[in-house]
Amino acid sequence: MFLIRVRTATDKDIKKYIANGQASEQLQEAIQFLEAIISFIEENLYLDKPVEGALPYFEVLRIIFELFGDFEYKLRITQVYPPC
């Protein structure tokens, strides 16, 4: 999936950011992209939205939280990505 590729492509930049607090240009672009996706989802979720229409948005949010959330993401048994 595309978001998995974004996560793996920015893994080194995320580790550097966690270590020294400076985000590379690539990481800043990835963050802006994720913020745009989340903003789009928030704008399209409203109280009386049908469940069938809301489920895909929640699925995308779940994937983002799994990949970029506050816990370790394991792509493979041998490769563990620390929380962002």
Protein backbone atom coordinates (compact mmCIF):
# COMPACT_ATOMS: atom_id res chain seq x y z
CA MET A 1 0.00 0.00 0.00
CA PHE A 2 1.07 3.55 -0.66
CA LEU A 3 1.09 4.66 2.98
CA ILE A 4 3.36 1.76 3.91
CA ARG A 5 5.80 2.99 1.29
CA VAL A 6 5.63 6.51 2.71
CA ARG A 7 6.43 5.08 6.15
CA THR A 8 9.36 2.96 4.99
CA ALA A 9 10.75 5.74 2.78
CA THR A 10 10.77 8.23 5.65
CA ASP A 11 11.97 5.82 8.35
CA LYS A 12 15.57 7.12 8.44
CA ASP A 13 14.35 10.72 8.46
CA ILE A 14 11.95 9.96 11.32
CA LYS A 15 14.77 8.40 13.36
CA LYS A 16 16.96 11.47 12.73
CA TYR A 17 14.08 13.74 13.70
CA ILE A 18 13.51 11.85 16.95
CA ALA A 19 17.26 12.00 17.71
CA ASN A 20 17.97 15.66 16.97
CA GLY A 21 14.62 17.36 16.35
CA GLN A 22 15.36 18.52 12.80
CA ALA A 23 13.00 17.35 10.08
CA SER A 24 14.39 16.89 6.58
CA GLU A 25 12.59 18.33 3.58
CA GLN A 26 11.32 14.87 2.61
CA LEU A 27 9.91 14.31 6.09
CA GLN A 28 8.24 17.74 6.10
CA GLU A 29 6.57 16.93 2.78
CA ALA A 30 5.37 13.58 4.12
CA ILE A 31 3.96 15.29 7.21
CA GLN A 32 2.17 17.88 5.08
CA PHE A 33 0.74 15.09 2.92
CA LEU A 34 -0.56 13.20 5.96
CA GLU A 35 -2.00 16.41 7.44
CA ALA A 36 -3.83 17.05 4.16
CA ILE A 37 -5.31 13.54 4.19
CA ILE A 38 -6.42 13.87 7.82
CA SER A 39 -7.92 17.32 7.17
CA PHE A 40 -9.83 15.97 4.17
CA ILE A 41 -11.20 13.12 6.28
CA GLU A 42 -12.18 15.44 9.13
CA GLU A 43 -13.99 17.77 6.72
CA ASN A 44 -15.94 14.87 5.21
CA LEU A 45 -16.98 13.22 8.45
CA TYR A 46 -20.04 14.75 10.01
CA LEU A 47 -22.61 13.61 12.53
CA ASP A 48 -25.37 12.43 10.18
CA LYS A 49 -23.05 10.88 7.56
CA PRO A 50 -24.20 7.38 6.62
CA VAL A 51 -22.08 4.64 8.17
CA GLU A 52 -21.37 3.11 4.76
CA GLY A 53 -19.81 6.38 3.64
CA ALA A 54 -17.84 6.95 6.83
CA LEU A 55 -16.23 3.51 7.14
CA PRO A 56 -13.61 4.04 4.40
CA TYR A 57 -12.50 7.28 6.09
CA PHE A 58 -12.11 5.51 9.41
CA GLU A 59 -10.17 2.73 7.70
CA VAL A 60 -7.69 5.24 6.25
CA LEU A 61 -7.33 6.89 9.68
CA ARG A 62 -6.71 3.48 11.24
CA ILE A 63 -3.95 2.76 8.72
CA ILE A 64 -2.32 6.15 9.36
CA PHE A 65 -2.46 5.59 13.13
CA GLU A 66 -1.00 2.10 12.76
CA LEU A 67 1.87 3.28 10.58
CA PHE A 68 2.63 6.63 12.18
CA GLY A 69 1.04 6.29 15.63
CA ASP A 70 2.52 6.02 19.07
CA PHE A 71 3.58 2.36 19.00
CA GLU A 72 6.02 0.10 17.18
CA TYR A 73 5.02 -0.93 13.69
CA LYS A 74 6.32 -4.30 12.46
CA LEU A 75 6.49 -4.66 8.70
CA ARG A 76 8.41 -7.90 9.02
CA ILE A 77 9.52 -9.94 12.00
CA THR A 78 13.09 -8.73 11.50
CA GLN A 79 12.22 -5.07 10.90
CA VAL A 80 10.56 -3.01 13.64
CA TYR A 81 9.78 0.66 13.16
CA PRO A 82 9.76 2.79 16.33
CA PRO A 83 6.82 5.10 17.08
CA CYS A 84 6.89 8.53 15.43
